[in-house]
Amino acid sequence: MSEDREATVIAWEEFARIDIRVGTVVDAQPFPQARQPAIKLWVDFGPERGTLQTSAQLTQHYRPDALIGRQVAGLVNLPPKRIAGFKSQFLVLGFPDEFGHVVLIRPDFAVPNGGRLF
């Protein structure tokens, strides 16, 4: 194993602290105040977490109205962060396409909101 690879290894206990949950987008709006084109999202993470909000640079592949009702994955145990005056309460997760634009990850089948990734 190279030193670079070894430096990125984390302990199982560290992974257990990462809280990634599934939720359903209940509202999505353009975010013109952001420095980069972005969308504000409100996601229902179930009864334990409730509805949380965030913003994400998703405009290359998604329209706000098309996101409503879609399930997404989010990292929900980060501290809140202000982005252009908007309080971001979680990090929505995705992968970069060949141009570096976000493609959201989601479950293949509908699952209950709030389910934790394992």
PDB file of N, CA and C in Angstrom:
ATOM      1  N   MET A   1       0.851  -1.174   0.000  1.00  0.00           N
ATOM      2  CA  MET A   1       0.000   0.000   0.000  1.00  0.00           C
ATOM      3  C   MET A   1       0.898   1.238   0.000  1.00  0.00           C
ATOM      4  N   SER A   2       0.603   2.189  -0.866  1.00  0.00           N
ATOM      5  CA  SER A   2       1.422   3.401  -0.933  1.00  0.00           C
ATOM      6  C   SER A   2       1.130   4.302   0.258  1.00  0.00           C
ATOM      7  N   GLU A   3       2.049   5.229   0.524  1.00  0.00           N
ATOM      8  CA  GLU A   3       1.840   6.174   1.615  1.00  0.00           C
ATOM      9  C   GLU A   3       0.608   7.029   1.387  1.00  0.00           C
ATOM     10  N   ASP A   4       0.347   7.445   0.125  1.00  0.00           N
ATOM     11  CA  ASP A   4      -0.838   8.247  -0.171  1.00  0.00           C
ATOM     12  C   ASP A   4      -2.108   7.487   0.179  1.00  0.00           C
ATOM     13  N   ARG A   5      -2.179   6.231  -0.203  1.00  0.00           N
ATOM     14  CA  ARG A   5      -3.354   5.409   0.092  1.00  0.00           C
ATOM     15  C   ARG A   5      -3.486   5.204   1.593  1.00  0.00           C
ATOM     16  N   GLU A   6      -2.371   4.958   2.255  1.00  0.00           N
ATOM     17  CA  GLU A   6      -2.390   4.718   3.690  1.00  0.00           C
ATOM     18  C   GLU A   6      -2.880   5.947   4.450  1.00  0.00           C
ATOM     19  N   ALA A   7      -2.540   7.127   3.984  1.00  0.00           N
ATOM     20  CA  ALA A   7      -2.943   8.353   4.666  1.00  0.00           C
ATOM     21  C   ALA A   7      -4.452   8.560   4.625  1.00  0.00           C
ATOM     22  N   THR A   8      -5.154   7.948   3.660  1.00  0.00           N
ATOM     23  CA  THR A   8      -6.599   8.150   3.543  1.00  0.00           C
ATOM     24  C   THR A   8      -7.413   7.104   4.290  1.00  0.00           C
ATOM     25  N   VAL A   9      -6.780   6.096   4.844  1.00  0.00           N
ATOM     26  CA  VAL A   9      -7.486   5.047   5.564  1.00  0.00           C
ATOM     27  C   VAL A   9      -8.011   5.598   6.885  1.00  0.00           C
ATOM     28  N   ILE A  10      -9.275   5.280   7.185  1.00  0.00           N
ATOM     29  CA  ILE A  10      -9.855   5.685   8.469  1.00  0.00           C
ATOM     30  C   ILE A  10     -10.233   4.436   9.255  1.00  0.00           C
ATOM     31  N   ALA A  11     -10.386   4.607  10.535  1.00  0.00           N
ATOM     32  CA  ALA A  11     -10.794   3.498  11.403  1.00  0.00           C
ATOM     33  C   ALA A  11     -12.295   3.274  11.270  1.00  0.00           C
ATOM     34  N   TRP A  12     -12.730   2.039  11.543  1.00  0.00           N
ATOM     35  CA  TRP A  12     -14.152   1.723  11.494  1.00  0.00           C
ATOM     36  C   TRP A  12     -14.949   2.634  12.421  1.00  0.00           C
ATOM     37  N   GLU A  13     -14.371   2.995  13.555  1.00  0.00           N
ATOM     38  CA  GLU A  13     -15.055   3.866  14.506  1.00  0.00           C
ATOM     39  C   GLU A  13     -15.313   5.246  13.896  1.00  0.00           C
ATOM     40  N   GLU A  14     -14.347   5.728  13.088  1.00  0.00           N
ATOM     41  CA  GLU A  14     -14.529   7.024  12.421  1.00  0.00           C
ATOM     42  C   GLU A  14     -15.673   6.950  11.413  1.00  0.00           C
ATOM     43  N   PHE A  15     -15.727   5.871  10.639  1.00  0.00           N
ATOM     44  CA  PHE A  15     -16.815   5.703   9.681  1.00  0.00           C
ATOM     45  C   PHE A  15     -18.164   5.665  10.396  1.00  0.00           C
ATOM     46  N   ALA A  16     -18.220   5.024  11.547  1.00  0.00           N
ATOM     47  CA  ALA A  16     -19.472   4.909  12.295  1.00  0.00           C
ATOM     48  C   ALA A  16     -20.001   6.284  12.722  1.00  0.00           C
ATOM     49  N   ARG A  17     -19.123   7.282  12.826  1.00  0.00           N
ATOM     50  CA  ARG A  17     -19.540   8.639  13.223  1.00  0.00           C
ATOM     51  C   ARG A  17     -20.168   9.400  12.061  1.00  0.00           C
ATOM     52  N   ILE A  18     -19.950   8.949  10.834  1.00  0.00           N
ATOM     53  CA  ILE A  18     -20.510   9.622   9.658  1.00  0.00           C
ATOM     54  C   ILE A  18     -21.973   9.218   9.527  1.00  0.00           C
ATOM     55  N   ASP A  19     -22.865  10.200   9.535  1.00  0.00           N
ATOM     56  CA  ASP A  19     -24.297   9.928   9.522  1.00  0.00           C
ATOM     57  C   ASP A  19     -24.895  10.342   8.173  1.00  0.00           C
ATOM     58  N   ILE A  20     -24.985   9.374   7.265  1.00  0.00           N
ATOM     59  CA  ILE A  20     -25.565   9.607   5.943  1.00  0.00           C
ATOM     60  C   ILE A  20     -26.965   9.009   5.950  1.00  0.00           C
ATOM     61  N   ARG A  21     -27.946   9.854   5.642  1.00  0.00           N
ATOM     62  CA  ARG A  21     -29.358   9.450   5.669  1.00  0.00           C
ATOM     63  C   ARG A  21     -30.006   9.686   4.314  1.00  0.00           C
ATOM     64  N   VAL A  22     -31.108   9.000   4.077  1.00  0.00           N
ATOM     65  CA  VAL A  22     -31.900   9.215   2.874  1.00  0.00           C
ATOM     66  C   VAL A  22     -33.098  10.088   3.238  1.00  0.00           C
ATOM     67  N   GLY A  23     -33.444  10.971   2.305  1.00  0.00           N
ATOM     68  CA  GLY A  23     -34.599  11.827   2.515  1.00  0.00           C
ATOM     69  C   GLY A  23     -35.240  12.177   1.186  1.00  0.00           C
ATOM     70  N   THR A  24     -36.419  12.780   1.263  1.00  0.00           N
ATOM     71  CA  THR A  24     -37.163  13.170   0.073  1.00  0.00           C
ATOM     72  C   THR A  24     -37.194  14.689  -0.035  1.00  0.00           C
ATOM     73  N   VAL A  25     -36.872  15.190  -1.211  1.00  0.00           N
ATOM     74  CA  VAL A  25     -36.914  16.631  -1.461  1.00  0.00           C
ATOM     75  C   VAL A  25     -38.375  17.082  -1.415  1.00  0.00           C
ATOM     76  N   VAL A  26     -38.682  18.013  -0.497  1.00  0.00           N
ATOM     77  CA  VAL A  26     -40.044  18.524  -0.375  1.00  0.00           C
ATOM     78  C   VAL A  26     -40.190  19.915  -0.982  1.00  0.00           C
ATOM     79  N   ASP A  27     -39.081  20.613  -1.178  1.00  0.00           N
ATOM     80  CA  ASP A  27     -39.090  21.914  -1.843  1.00  0.00           C
ATOM     81  C   ASP A  27     -37.713  22.152  -2.436  1.00  0.00           C
ATOM     82  N   ALA A  28     -37.697  22.873  -3.549  1.00  0.00           N
ATOM     83  CA  ALA A  28     -36.440  23.229  -4.211  1.00  0.00           C
ATOM     84  C   ALA A  28     -36.667  24.556  -4.922  1.00  0.00           C
ATOM     85  N   GLN A  29     -35.712  25.485  -4.746  1.00  0.00           N
ATOM     86  CA  GLN A  29     -35.849  26.819  -5.323  1.00  0.00           C
ATOM     87  C   GLN A  29     -34.514  27.290  -5.883  1.00  0.00           C
ATOM     88  N   PRO A  30     -34.559  28.105  -6.932  1.00  0.00           N
ATOM     89  CA  PRO A  30     -33.311  28.698  -7.431  1.00  0.00           C
ATOM     90  C   PRO A  30     -32.641  29.510  -6.326  1.00  0.00           C
ATOM     91  N   PHE A  31     -31.324  29.635  -6.402  1.00  0.00           N
ATOM     92  CA  PHE A  31     -30.556  30.375  -5.397  1.00  0.00           C
ATOM     93  C   PHE A  31     -29.661  31.387  -6.114  1.00  0.00           C
ATOM     94  N   PRO A  32     -30.248  32.467  -6.627  1.00  0.00           N
ATOM     95  CA  PRO A  32     -29.470  33.430  -7.410  1.00  0.00           C
ATOM     96  C   PRO A  32     -28.427  34.199  -6.597  1.00  0.00           C
ATOM     97  N   GLN A  33     -28.539  34.244  -5.272  1.00  0.00           N
ATOM     98  CA  GLN A  33     -27.578  34.965  -4.442  1.00  0.00           C
ATOM     99  C   GLN A  33     -26.244  34.229  -4.300  1.00  0.00           C
ATOM    100  N   ALA A  34     -26.219  32.941  -4.606  1.00  0.00           N
ATOM    101  CA  ALA A  34     -24.989  32.157  -4.481  1.00  0.00           C
ATOM    102  C   ALA A  34     -23.977  32.607  -5.535  1.00  0.00           C
ATOM    103  N   ARG A  35     -22.682  32.511  -5.198  1.00  0.00           N
ATOM    104  CA  ARG A  35     -21.620  32.895  -6.145  1.00  0.00           C
ATOM    105  C   ARG A  35     -21.643  32.029  -7.400  1.00  0.00           C
ATOM    106  N   GLN A  36     -21.854  30.737  -7.232  1.00  0.00           N
ATOM    107  CA  GLN A  36     -21.982  29.796  -8.346  1.00  0.00           C
ATOM    108  C   GLN A  36     -23.458  29.424  -8.461  1.00  0.00           C
ATOM    109  N   PRO A  37     -23.968  29.178  -9.665  1.00  0.00           N
ATOM    110  CA  PRO A  37     -25.378  28.788  -9.797  1.00  0.00           C
ATOM    111  C   PRO A  37     -25.706  27.604  -8.883  1.00  0.00           C
ATOM    112  N   ALA A  38     -26.767  27.747  -8.116  1.00  0.00           N
ATOM    113  CA  ALA A  38     -27.116  26.727  -7.125  1.00  0.00           C
ATOM    114  C   ALA A  38     -28.626  26.640  -6.957  1.00  0.00           C
ATOM    115  N   ILE A  39     -29.031  25.607  -6.233  1.00  0.00           N
ATOM    116  CA  ILE A  39     -30.435  25.370  -5.907  1.00  0.00           C
ATOM    117  C   ILE A  39     -30.537  25.173  -4.398  1.00  0.00           C
ATOM    118  N   LYS A  40     -31.539  25.806  -3.782  1.00  0.00           N
ATOM    119  CA  LYS A  40     -31.853  25.557  -2.374  1.00  0.00           C
ATOM    120  C   LYS A  40     -32.740  24.320  -2.305  1.00  0.00           C
ATOM    121  N   LEU A  41     -32.438  23.439  -1.359  1.00  0.00           N
ATOM    122  CA  LEU A  41     -33.212  22.214  -1.176  1.00  0.00           C
ATOM    123  C   LEU A  41     -33.716  22.106   0.255  1.00  0.00           C
ATOM    124  N   TRP A  42     -34.929  21.626   0.417  1.00  0.00           N
ATOM    125  CA  TRP A  42     -35.487  21.255   1.708  1.00  0.00           C
ATOM    126  C   TRP A  42     -35.811  19.777   1.610  1.00  0.00           C
ATOM    127  N   VAL A  43     -35.223  18.982   2.512  1.00  0.00           N
ATOM    128  CA  VAL A  43     -35.330  17.529   2.428  1.00  0.00           C
ATOM    129  C   VAL A  43     -35.885  16.975   3.728  1.00  0.00           C
ATOM    130  N   ASP A  44     -36.915  16.127   3.608  1.00  0.00           N
ATOM    131  CA  ASP A  44     -37.518  15.455   4.755  1.00  0.00           C
ATOM    132  C   ASP A  44     -36.716  14.197   5.050  1.00  0.00           C
ATOM    133  N   PHE A  45     -36.019  14.197   6.205  1.00  0.00           N
ATOM    134  CA  PHE A  45     -35.215  13.056   6.631  1.00  0.00           C
ATOM    135  C   PHE A  45     -35.946  12.198   7.661  1.00  0.00           C
ATOM    136  N   GLY A  46     -37.258  12.249   7.681  1.00  0.00           N
ATOM    137  CA  GLY A  46     -38.035  11.393   8.568  1.00  0.00           C
ATOM    138  C   GLY A  46     -38.236  11.992   9.940  1.00  0.00           C
ATOM    139  N   PRO A  47     -38.962  11.256  10.800  1.00  0.00           N
ATOM    140  CA  PRO A  47     -39.351  11.804  12.107  1.00  0.00           C
ATOM    141  C   PRO A  47     -38.184  12.107  13.046  1.00  0.00           C
ATOM    142  N   GLU A  48     -37.084  11.384  12.937  1.00  0.00           N
ATOM    143  CA  GLU A  48     -35.953  11.605  13.847  1.00  0.00           C
ATOM    144  C   GLU A  48     -35.215  12.911  13.549  1.00  0.00           C
ATOM    145  N   ARG A  49     -35.012  13.223  12.280  1.00  0.00           N
ATOM    146  CA  ARG A  49     -34.258  14.410  11.861  1.00  0.00           C
ATOM    147  C   ARG A  49     -35.131  15.548  11.380  1.00  0.00           C
ATOM    148  N   GLY A  50     -36.299  15.245  10.837  1.00  0.00           N
ATOM    149  CA  GLY A  50     -37.185  16.283  10.309  1.00  0.00           C
ATOM    150  C   GLY A  50     -36.701  16.807   8.961  1.00  0.00           C
ATOM    151  N   THR A  51     -37.178  17.990   8.607  1.00  0.00           N
ATOM    152  CA  THR A  51     -36.815  18.612   7.339  1.00  0.00           C
ATOM    153  C   THR A  51     -35.607  19.521   7.548  1.00  0.00           C
ATOM    154  N   LEU A  52     -34.575  19.296   6.754  1.00  0.00           N
ATOM    155  CA  LEU A  52     -33.358  20.103   6.796  1.00  0.00           C
ATOM    156  C   LEU A  52     -33.181  20.800   5.452  1.00  0.00           C
ATOM    157  N   GLN A  53     -32.422  21.896   5.460  1.00  0.00           N
ATOM    158  CA  GLN A  53     -32.210  22.665   4.232  1.00  0.00           C
ATOM    159  C   GLN A  53     -30.729  22.743   3.888  1.00  0.00           C
ATOM    160  N   THR A  54     -30.469  22.888   2.603  1.00  0.00           N
ATOM    161  CA  THR A  54     -29.104  23.054   2.109  1.00  0.00           C
ATOM    162  C   THR A  54     -29.167  23.730   0.748  1.00  0.00           C
ATOM    163  N   SER A  55     -28.007  24.055   0.233  1.00  0.00           N
ATOM    164  CA  SER A  55     -27.926  24.516  -1.154  1.00  0.00           C
ATOM    165  C   SER A  55     -26.839  23.699  -1.837  1.00  0.00           C
ATOM    166  N   ALA A  56     -26.982  23.541  -3.136  1.00  0.00           N
ATOM    167  CA  ALA A  56     -26.016  22.740  -3.881  1.00  0.00           C
ATOM    168  C   ALA A  56     -25.928  23.229  -5.320  1.00  0.00           C
ATOM    169  N   GLN A  57     -24.760  23.075  -5.886  1.00  0.00           N
ATOM    170  CA  GLN A  57     -24.519  23.476  -7.275  1.00  0.00           C
ATOM    171  C   GLN A  57     -24.974  22.339  -8.196  1.00  0.00           C
ATOM    172  N   LEU A  58     -26.277  22.316  -8.448  1.00  0.00           N
ATOM    173  CA  LEU A  58     -26.901  21.225  -9.195  1.00  0.00           C
ATOM    174  C   LEU A  58     -27.479  21.665 -10.533  1.00  0.00           C
ATOM    175  N   THR A  59     -27.306  22.928 -10.887  1.00  0.00           N
ATOM    176  CA  THR A  59     -28.041  23.500 -12.014  1.00  0.00           C
ATOM    177  C   THR A  59     -27.666  22.929 -13.379  1.00  0.00           C
ATOM    178  N   GLN A  60     -26.558  22.252 -13.497  1.00  0.00           N
ATOM    179  CA  GLN A  60     -26.175  21.679 -14.794  1.00  0.00           C
ATOM    180  C   GLN A  60     -27.079  20.513 -15.189  1.00  0.00           C
ATOM    181  N   HIS A  61     -27.548  19.749 -14.202  1.00  0.00           N
ATOM    182  CA  HIS A  61     -28.347  18.556 -14.507  1.00  0.00           C
ATOM    183  C   HIS A  61     -29.770  18.592 -13.976  1.00  0.00           C
ATOM    184  N   TYR A  62     -30.091  19.530 -13.096  1.00  0.00           N
ATOM    185  CA  TYR A  62     -31.388  19.486 -12.417  1.00  0.00           C
ATOM    186  C   TYR A  62     -32.089  20.844 -12.449  1.00  0.00           C
ATOM    187  N   ARG A  63     -33.423  20.791 -12.533  1.00  0.00           N
ATOM    188  CA  ARG A  63     -34.282  21.966 -12.363  1.00  0.00           C
ATOM    189  C   ARG A  63     -34.945  21.828 -10.996  1.00  0.00           C
ATOM    190  N   PRO A  64     -35.154  22.926 -10.300  1.00  0.00           N
ATOM    191  CA  PRO A  64     -35.764  22.818  -8.970  1.00  0.00           C
ATOM    192  C   PRO A  64     -37.070  22.022  -8.959  1.00  0.00           C
ATOM    193  N   ASP A  65     -37.969  22.290  -9.878  1.00  0.00           N
ATOM    194  CA  ASP A  65     -39.262  21.596  -9.863  1.00  0.00           C
ATOM    195  C   ASP A  65     -39.121  20.095 -10.104  1.00  0.00           C
ATOM    196  N   ALA A  66     -38.109  19.669 -10.838  1.00  0.00           N
ATOM    197  CA  ALA A  66     -37.896  18.247 -11.114  1.00  0.00           C
ATOM    198  C   ALA A  66     -37.304  17.500  -9.920  1.00  0.00           C
ATOM    199  N   LEU A  67     -36.761  18.234  -8.952  1.00  0.00           N
ATOM    200  CA  LEU A  67     -36.166  17.597  -7.775  1.00  0.00           C
ATOM    201  C   LEU A  67     -37.199  17.241  -6.705  1.00  0.00           C
ATOM    202  N   ILE A  68     -38.330  17.918  -6.707  1.00  0.00           N
ATOM    203  CA  ILE A  68     -39.344  17.681  -5.674  1.00  0.00           C
ATOM    204  C   ILE A  68     -39.884  16.255  -5.804  1.00  0.00           C
ATOM    205  N   GLY A  69     -39.867  15.540  -4.669  1.00  0.00           N
ATOM    206  CA  GLY A  69     -40.308  14.156  -4.625  1.00  0.00           C
ATOM    207  C   GLY A  69     -39.194  13.144  -4.829  1.00  0.00           C
ATOM    208  N   ARG A  70     -38.015  13.591  -5.186  1.00  0.00           N
ATOM    209  CA  ARG A  70     -36.869  12.711  -5.433  1.00  0.00           C
ATOM    210  C   ARG A  70     -36.183  12.388  -4.112  1.00  0.00           C
ATOM    211  N   GLN A  71     -35.774  11.147  -3.943  1.00  0.00           N
ATOM    212  CA  GLN A  71     -34.988  10.786  -2.762  1.00  0.00           C
ATOM    213  C   GLN A  71     -33.523  11.081  -3.031  1.00  0.00           C
ATOM    214  N   VAL A  72     -32.840  11.579  -1.998  1.00  0.00           N
ATOM    215  CA  VAL A  72     -31.425  11.914  -2.081  1.00  0.00           C
ATOM    216  C   VAL A  72     -30.728  11.412  -0.827  1.00  0.00           C
ATOM    217  N   ALA A  73     -29.402  11.365  -0.879  1.00  0.00           N
ATOM    218  CA  ALA A  73     -28.593  11.012   0.285  1.00  0.00           C
ATOM    219  C   ALA A  73     -27.944  12.286   0.814  1.00  0.00           C
ATOM    220  N   GLY A  74     -27.894  12.398   2.141  1.00  0.00           N
ATOM    221  CA  GLY A  74     -27.278  13.570   2.739  1.00  0.00           C
ATOM    222  C   GLY A  74     -26.479  13.232   3.979  1.00  0.00           C
ATOM    223  N   LEU A  75     -25.361  13.935   4.147  1.00  0.00           N
ATOM    224  CA  LEU A  75     -24.555  13.845   5.364  1.00  0.00           C
ATOM    225  C   LEU A  75     -25.170  14.830   6.350  1.00  0.00           C
ATOM    226  N   VAL A  76     -25.776  14.309   7.417  1.00  0.00           N
ATOM    227  CA  VAL A  76     -26.605  15.144   8.289  1.00  0.00           C
ATOM    228  C   VAL A  76     -25.964  15.534   9.614  1.00  0.00           C
ATOM    229  N   ASN A  77     -24.735  15.095   9.887  1.00  0.00           N
ATOM    230  CA  ASN A  77     -24.139  15.460  11.172  1.00  0.00           C
ATOM    231  C   ASN A  77     -22.928  16.374  11.024  1.00  0.00           C
ATOM    232  N   LEU A  78     -23.041  17.327  10.092  1.00  0.00           N
ATOM    233  CA  LEU A  78     -22.064  18.413   9.981  1.00  0.00           C
ATOM    234  C   LEU A  78     -22.619  19.640  10.689  1.00  0.00           C
ATOM    235  N   PRO A  79     -21.761  20.551  11.141  1.00  0.00           N
ATOM    236  CA  PRO A  79     -22.293  21.789  11.726  1.00  0.00           C
ATOM    237  C   PRO A  79     -22.926  22.646  10.626  1.00  0.00           C
ATOM    238  N   PRO A  80     -23.934  23.450  10.973  1.00  0.00           N
ATOM    239  CA  PRO A  80     -24.539  24.346   9.979  1.00  0.00           C
ATOM    240  C   PRO A  80     -23.502  25.301   9.403  1.00  0.00           C
ATOM    241  N   LYS A  81     -23.752  25.710   8.153  1.00  0.00           N
ATOM    242  CA  LYS A  81     -22.844  26.619   7.458  1.00  0.00           C
ATOM    243  C   LYS A  81     -23.684  27.643   6.701  1.00  0.00           C
ATOM    244  N   ARG A  82     -23.268  28.909   6.737  1.00  0.00           N
ATOM    245  CA  ARG A  82     -23.975  29.966   6.000  1.00  0.00           C
ATOM    246  C   ARG A  82     -23.376  30.095   4.606  1.00  0.00           C
ATOM    247  N   ILE A  83     -24.252  30.071   3.602  1.00  0.00           N
ATOM    248  CA  ILE A  83     -23.848  30.249   2.214  1.00  0.00           C
ATOM    249  C   ILE A  83     -24.713  31.366   1.644  1.00  0.00           C
ATOM    250  N   ALA A  84     -24.094  32.512   1.380  1.00  0.00           N
ATOM    251  CA  ALA A  84     -24.814  33.684   0.862  1.00  0.00           C
ATOM    252  C   ALA A  84     -26.041  33.998   1.717  1.00  0.00           C
ATOM    253  N   GLY A  85     -25.874  33.921   3.047  1.00  0.00           N
ATOM    254  CA  GLY A  85     -26.956  34.241   3.967  1.00  0.00           C
ATOM    255  C   GLY A  85     -27.953  33.124   4.195  1.00  0.00           C
ATOM    256  N   PHE A  86     -27.776  31.990   3.543  1.00  0.00           N
ATOM    257  CA  PHE A  86     -28.694  30.850   3.670  1.00  0.00           C
ATOM    258  C   PHE A  86     -28.047  29.796   4.554  1.00  0.00           C
ATOM    259  N   LYS A  87     -28.783  29.315   5.547  1.00  0.00           N
ATOM    260  CA  LYS A  87     -28.254  28.326   6.490  1.00  0.00           C
ATOM    261  C   LYS A  87     -28.330  26.930   5.882  1.00  0.00           C
ATOM    262  N   SER A  88     -27.170  26.330   5.636  1.00  0.00           N
ATOM    263  CA  SER A  88     -27.077  24.972   5.122  1.00  0.00           C
ATOM    264  C   SER A  88     -26.917  24.025   6.303  1.00  0.00           C
ATOM    265  N   GLN A  89     -27.832  23.057   6.419  1.00  0.00           N
ATOM    266  CA  GLN A  89     -27.856  22.171   7.574  1.00  0.00           C
ATOM    267  C   GLN A  89     -27.349  20.753   7.296  1.00  0.00           C
ATOM    268  N   PHE A  90     -27.097  20.424   6.036  1.00  0.00           N
ATOM    269  CA  PHE A  90     -26.561  19.113   5.691  1.00  0.00           C
ATOM    270  C   PHE A  90     -25.867  19.218   4.343  1.00  0.00           C
ATOM    271  N   LEU A  91     -25.175  18.162   3.960  1.00  0.00           N
ATOM    272  CA  LEU A  91     -24.480  18.115   2.680  1.00  0.00           C
ATOM    273  C   LEU A  91     -25.155  17.063   1.807  1.00  0.00           C
ATOM    274  N   VAL A  92     -25.779  17.506   0.722  1.00  0.00           N
ATOM    275  CA  VAL A  92     -26.371  16.555  -0.227  1.00  0.00           C
ATOM    276  C   VAL A  92     -25.224  15.905  -0.996  1.00  0.00           C
ATOM    277  N   LEU A  93     -25.349  14.606  -1.280  1.00  0.00           N
ATOM    278  CA  LEU A  93     -24.231  13.849  -1.832  1.00  0.00           C
ATOM    279  C   LEU A  93     -24.420  13.505  -3.302  1.00  0.00           C
ATOM    280  N   GLY A  94     -23.329  13.559  -4.033  1.00  0.00           N
ATOM    281  CA  GLY A  94     -23.339  13.221  -5.445  1.00  0.00           C
ATOM    282  C   GLY A  94     -21.939  12.920  -5.919  1.00  0.00           C
ATOM    283  N   PHE A  95     -21.851  12.552  -7.183  1.00  0.00           N
ATOM    284  CA  PHE A  95     -20.572  12.271  -7.824  1.00  0.00           C
ATOM    285  C   PHE A  95     -20.391  13.224  -8.989  1.00  0.00           C
ATOM    286  N   PRO A  96     -19.146  13.518  -9.354  1.00  0.00           N
ATOM    287  CA  PRO A  96     -18.923  14.384 -10.515  1.00  0.00           C
ATOM    288  C   PRO A  96     -19.079  13.602 -11.819  1.00  0.00           C
ATOM    289  N   ASP A  97     -19.705  14.251 -12.810  1.00  0.00           N
ATOM    290  CA  ASP A  97     -19.719  13.654 -14.146  1.00  0.00           C
ATOM    291  C   ASP A  97     -18.381  13.961 -14.820  1.00  0.00           C
ATOM    292  N   GLU A  98     -18.259  13.680 -16.096  1.00  0.00           N
ATOM    293  CA  GLU A  98     -16.975  13.874 -16.789  1.00  0.00           C
ATOM    294  C   GLU A  98     -16.552  15.333 -16.857  1.00  0.00           C
ATOM    295  N   PHE A  99     -17.475  16.270 -16.592  1.00  0.00           N
ATOM    296  CA  PHE A  99     -17.152  17.701 -16.607  1.00  0.00           C
ATOM    297  C   PHE A  99     -17.053  18.285 -15.197  1.00  0.00           C
ATOM    298  N   GLY A 100     -17.224  17.443 -14.173  1.00  0.00           N
ATOM    299  CA  GLY A 100     -17.159  17.901 -12.794  1.00  0.00           C
ATOM    300  C   GLY A 100     -18.485  18.402 -12.246  1.00  0.00           C
ATOM    301  N   HIS A 101     -19.574  18.207 -12.969  1.00  0.00           N
ATOM    302  CA  HIS A 101     -20.902  18.644 -12.512  1.00  0.00           C
ATOM    303  C   HIS A 101     -21.524  17.553 -11.647  1.00  0.00           C
ATOM    304  N   VAL A 102     -22.270  17.970 -10.634  1.00  0.00           N
ATOM    305  CA  VAL A 102     -22.821  17.039  -9.650  1.00  0.00           C
ATOM    306  C   VAL A 102     -23.956  16.192 -10.235  1.00  0.00           C
ATOM    307  N   VAL A 103     -23.839  14.871  -9.998  1.00  0.00           N
ATOM    308  CA  VAL A 103     -24.906  13.918 -10.278  1.00  0.00           C
ATOM    309  C   VAL A 103     -25.291  13.327  -8.923  1.00  0.00           C
ATOM    310  N   LEU A 104     -26.513  13.577  -8.489  1.00  0.00           N
ATOM    311  CA  LEU A 104     -26.957  13.133  -7.171  1.00  0.00           C
ATOM    312  C   LEU A 104     -27.002  11.613  -7.066  1.00  0.00           C
ATOM    313  N   ILE A 105     -26.721  11.120  -5.853  1.00  0.00           N
ATOM    314  CA  ILE A 105     -26.883   9.687  -5.598  1.00  0.00           C
ATOM    315  C   ILE A 105     -28.221   9.485  -4.910  1.00  0.00           C
ATOM    316  N   ARG A 106     -28.812   8.341  -5.185  1.00  0.00           N
ATOM    317  CA  ARG A 106     -30.103   8.008  -4.588  1.00  0.00           C
ATOM    318  C   ARG A 106     -30.268   6.499  -4.577  1.00  0.00           C
ATOM    319  N   PRO A 107     -31.184   6.007  -3.738  1.00  0.00           N
ATOM    320  CA  PRO A 107     -31.403   4.558  -3.719  1.00  0.00           C
ATOM    321  C   PRO A 107     -32.088   4.094  -5.003  1.00  0.00           C
ATOM    322  N   ASP A 108     -31.865   2.842  -5.378  1.00  0.00           N
ATOM    323  CA  ASP A 108     -32.513   2.264  -6.560  1.00  0.00           C
ATOM    324  C   ASP A 108     -34.017   2.108  -6.368  1.00  0.00           C
ATOM    325  N   PHE A 109     -34.442   1.910  -5.123  1.00  0.00           N
ATOM    326  CA  PHE A 109     -35.853   1.718  -4.800  1.00  0.00           C
ATOM    327  C   PHE A 109     -36.237   2.695  -3.691  1.00  0.00           C
ATOM    328  N   ALA A 110     -37.510   3.054  -3.616  1.00  0.00           N
ATOM    329  CA  ALA A 110     -37.968   3.942  -2.546  1.00  0.00           C
ATOM    330  C   ALA A 110     -37.741   3.262  -1.196  1.00  0.00           C
ATOM    331  N   VAL A 111     -37.202   4.019  -0.256  1.00  0.00           N
ATOM    332  CA  VAL A 111     -36.961   3.530   1.094  1.00  0.00           C
ATOM    333  C   VAL A 111     -37.503   4.565   2.077  1.00  0.00           C
ATOM    334  N   PRO A 112     -37.750   4.181   3.323  1.00  0.00           N
ATOM    335  CA  PRO A 112     -38.280   5.146   4.287  1.00  0.00           C
ATOM    336  C   PRO A 112     -37.304   6.306   4.526  1.00  0.00           C
ATOM    337  N   ASN A 113     -37.845   7.522   4.580  1.00  0.00           N
ATOM    338  CA  ASN A 113     -37.028   8.682   4.900  1.00  0.00           C
ATOM    339  C   ASN A 113     -36.365   8.506   6.246  1.00  0.00           C
ATOM    340  N   GLY A 114     -35.108   8.902   6.324  1.00  0.00           N
ATOM    341  CA  GLY A 114     -34.361   8.809   7.572  1.00  0.00           C
ATOM    342  C   GLY A 114     -33.496   7.572   7.666  1.00  0.00           C
ATOM    343  N   GLY A 115     -33.628   6.637   6.730  1.00  0.00           N
ATOM    344  CA  GLY A 115     -32.800   5.442   6.760  1.00  0.00           C
ATOM    345  C   GLY A 115     -31.325   5.809   6.713  1.00  0.00           C
ATOM    346  N   ARG A 116     -30.537   5.139   7.531  1.00  0.00           N
ATOM    347  CA  ARG A 116     -29.105   5.437   7.623  1.00  0.00           C
ATOM    348  C   ARG A 116     -28.301   4.516   6.717  1.00  0.00           C
ATOM    349  N   LEU A 117     -27.336   5.092   6.017  1.00  0.00           N
ATOM    350  CA  LEU A 117     -26.439   4.322   5.170  1.00  0.00           C
ATOM    351  C   LEU A 117     -25.574   3.418   6.029  1.00  0.00           C
ATOM    352  N   PHE A 118     -25.446   2.176   5.615  1.00  0.00           N
ATOM    353  CA  PHE A 118     -24.531   1.246   6.301  1.00  0.00           C
ATOM    354  C   PHE A 118     -23.851   0.380   5.286  1.00  0.00           C
TER     355      PHE A 118
END
